Amino acid sequence: MKSAIYIVSALFLASSTFAAPQPITGAEIPAEIEARAPTCKYRSYCSAFWSGKCESHCSNNGYRFKELTGAFCLKGYEKACCCV
């Protein structure tokens, strides 16, 4: 019984190691996608609750609000304040 548990554990660890996603480096990002990314001097963390609060967040940190963007966020429903 113990050997079956060890075998299953080893198979699980091996499969999760091989299936792990590889990070994207700067060389792999196409130039046209990088050109579309917003240029922010200061940006907030990603959240679903920034609507209507970005102006005060940027001005409190000495910047001007530019746009609310999801370009930096991994989850589709989250956005970040982009300040210039």
C-alpha atoms as a PDB file:
ATOM      1  CA  MET A   1       0.000   0.000   0.000  1.00  0.00           C
ATOM      2  CA  LYS A   2       2.791   2.411   0.885  1.00  0.00           C
ATOM      3  CA  SER A   3       4.562   1.740  -2.380  1.00  0.00           C
ATOM      4  CA  ALA A   4       1.406   2.628  -4.315  1.00  0.00           C
ATOM      5  CA  ILE A   5       1.191   5.949  -2.468  1.00  0.00           C
ATOM      6  CA  TYR A   6       4.851   6.692  -3.259  1.00  0.00           C
ATOM      7  CA  ILE A   7       4.340   5.861  -6.931  1.00  0.00           C
ATOM      8  CA  VAL A   8       1.238   8.045  -7.205  1.00  0.00           C
ATOM      9  CA  SER A   9       3.030  10.903  -5.419  1.00  0.00           C
ATOM     10  CA  ALA A  10       6.053  10.614  -7.705  1.00  0.00           C
ATOM     11  CA  LEU A  11       3.849  10.612 -10.805  1.00  0.00           C
ATOM     12  CA  PHE A  12       1.941  13.656  -9.569  1.00  0.00           C
ATOM     13  CA  LEU A  13       5.137  15.606  -8.854  1.00  0.00           C
ATOM     14  CA  ALA A  14       6.624  14.675 -12.224  1.00  0.00           C
ATOM     15  CA  SER A  15       3.491  15.684 -14.126  1.00  0.00           C
ATOM     16  CA  SER A  16       3.170  19.007 -12.306  1.00  0.00           C
ATOM     17  CA  THR A  17       6.841  19.786 -12.980  1.00  0.00           C
ATOM     18  CA  PHE A  18       6.520  19.166 -16.708  1.00  0.00           C
ATOM     19  CA  ALA A  19       3.191  20.996 -16.974  1.00  0.00           C
ATOM     20  CA  ALA A  20       4.371  24.146 -15.191  1.00  0.00           C
ATOM     21  CA  PRO A  21       3.991  27.282 -17.362  1.00  0.00           C
ATOM     22  CA  GLN A  22       7.142  28.985 -18.523  1.00  0.00           C
ATOM     23  CA  PRO A  23       7.521  32.717 -17.778  1.00  0.00           C
ATOM     24  CA  ILE A  24       7.480  35.133 -20.690  1.00  0.00           C
ATOM     25  CA  THR A  25      10.702  37.071 -21.066  1.00  0.00           C
ATOM     26  CA  GLY A  26      11.038  40.453 -22.716  1.00  0.00           C
ATOM     27  CA  ALA A  27      12.473  38.918 -25.889  1.00  0.00           C
ATOM     28  CA  GLU A  28       9.319  36.862 -26.477  1.00  0.00           C
ATOM     29  CA  ILE A  29       6.885  39.802 -26.380  1.00  0.00           C
ATOM     30  CA  PRO A  30       6.128  40.988 -29.919  1.00  0.00           C
ATOM     31  CA  ALA A  31       6.895  44.651 -30.610  1.00  0.00           C
ATOM     32  CA  GLU A  32       3.330  45.515 -31.682  1.00  0.00           C
ATOM     33  CA  ILE A  33       1.933  44.271 -28.354  1.00  0.00           C
ATOM     34  CA  GLU A  34       4.588  46.127 -26.393  1.00  0.00           C
ATOM     35  CA  ALA A  35       3.842  49.322 -28.336  1.00  0.00           C
ATOM     36  CA  ARG A  36       0.145  49.125 -27.385  1.00  0.00           C
ATOM     37  CA  ALA A  37       0.901  48.843 -23.676  1.00  0.00           C
ATOM     38  CA  PRO A  38       0.045  52.046 -21.818  1.00  0.00           C
ATOM     39  CA  THR A  39       2.924  54.173 -20.604  1.00  0.00           C
ATOM     40  CA  CYS A  40       2.392  54.865 -16.938  1.00  0.00           C
ATOM     41  CA  LYS A  41       4.789  56.734 -14.685  1.00  0.00           C
ATOM     42  CA  TYR A  42       2.900  55.378 -11.692  1.00  0.00           C
ATOM     43  CA  ARG A  43       0.228  52.690 -11.547  1.00  0.00           C
ATOM     44  CA  SER A  44      -1.892  51.178  -8.840  1.00  0.00           C
ATOM     45  CA  TYR A  45      -2.310  47.536  -7.948  1.00  0.00           C
ATOM     46  CA  CYS A  46      -4.883  45.501  -9.867  1.00  0.00           C
ATOM     47  CA  SER A  47      -8.394  45.477  -8.421  1.00  0.00           C
ATOM     48  CA  ALA A  48     -12.004  45.234  -9.530  1.00  0.00           C
ATOM     49  CA  PHE A  49     -12.974  48.244  -7.379  1.00  0.00           C
ATOM     50  CA  TRP A  50     -10.979  51.195  -8.805  1.00  0.00           C
ATOM     51  CA  SER A  51     -13.914  52.723 -10.684  1.00  0.00           C
ATOM     52  CA  GLY A  52     -14.265  56.380  -9.685  1.00  0.00           C
ATOM     53  CA  LYS A  53     -11.269  56.319  -7.322  1.00  0.00           C
ATOM     54  CA  CYS A  54      -8.319  56.671  -9.699  1.00  0.00           C
ATOM     55  CA  GLU A  55      -8.314  60.464  -9.821  1.00  0.00           C
ATOM     56  CA  SER A  56      -7.840  60.781  -6.081  1.00  0.00           C
ATOM     57  CA  HIS A  57      -5.336  57.896  -5.977  1.00  0.00           C
ATOM     58  CA  CYS A  58      -3.131  59.533  -8.614  1.00  0.00           C
ATOM     59  CA  SER A  59      -3.402  63.041  -7.172  1.00  0.00           C
ATOM     60  CA  ASN A  60      -2.570  61.800  -3.649  1.00  0.00           C
ATOM     61  CA  ASN A  61       0.695  60.429  -5.070  1.00  0.00           C
ATOM     62  CA  GLY A  62       1.537  63.556  -7.074  1.00  0.00           C
ATOM     63  CA  TYR A  63       0.441  62.350 -10.515  1.00  0.00           C
ATOM     64  CA  ARG A  64      -2.395  62.997 -12.961  1.00  0.00           C
ATOM     65  CA  PHE A  65      -4.879  60.251 -13.865  1.00  0.00           C
ATOM     66  CA  LYS A  66      -4.550  58.999 -17.457  1.00  0.00           C
ATOM     67  CA  GLU A  67      -6.658  55.844 -17.812  1.00  0.00           C
ATOM     68  CA  LEU A  68      -8.033  52.750 -16.160  1.00  0.00           C
ATOM     69  CA  THR A  69      -6.403  49.785 -17.857  1.00  0.00           C
ATOM     70  CA  GLY A  70      -6.332  46.018 -17.578  1.00  0.00           C
ATOM     71  CA  ALA A  71      -3.094  45.627 -19.549  1.00  0.00           C
ATOM     72  CA  PHE A  72      -1.047  44.856 -16.434  1.00  0.00           C
ATOM     73  CA  CYS A  73      -3.606  42.622 -14.719  1.00  0.00           C
ATOM     74  CA  LEU A  74      -3.831  38.869 -15.033  1.00  0.00           C
ATOM     75  CA  LYS A  75      -7.539  38.548 -14.285  1.00  0.00           C
ATOM     76  CA  GLY A  76      -9.886  39.906 -16.932  1.00  0.00           C
ATOM     77  CA  TYR A  77     -12.187  41.715 -14.518  1.00  0.00           C
ATOM     78  CA  GLU A  78      -9.410  43.606 -12.696  1.00  0.00           C
ATOM     79  CA  LYS A  79      -8.083  47.023 -13.697  1.00  0.00           C
ATOM     80  CA  ALA A  80      -5.267  49.309 -12.573  1.00  0.00           C
ATOM     81  CA  CYS A  81      -5.064  53.107 -12.477  1.00  0.00           C
ATOM     82  CA  CYS A  82      -2.506  54.484 -14.909  1.00  0.00           C
ATOM     83  CA  CYS A  83      -1.056  57.815 -13.791  1.00  0.00           C
ATOM     84  CA  VAL A  84       1.253  60.215 -15.658  1.00  0.00           C
END
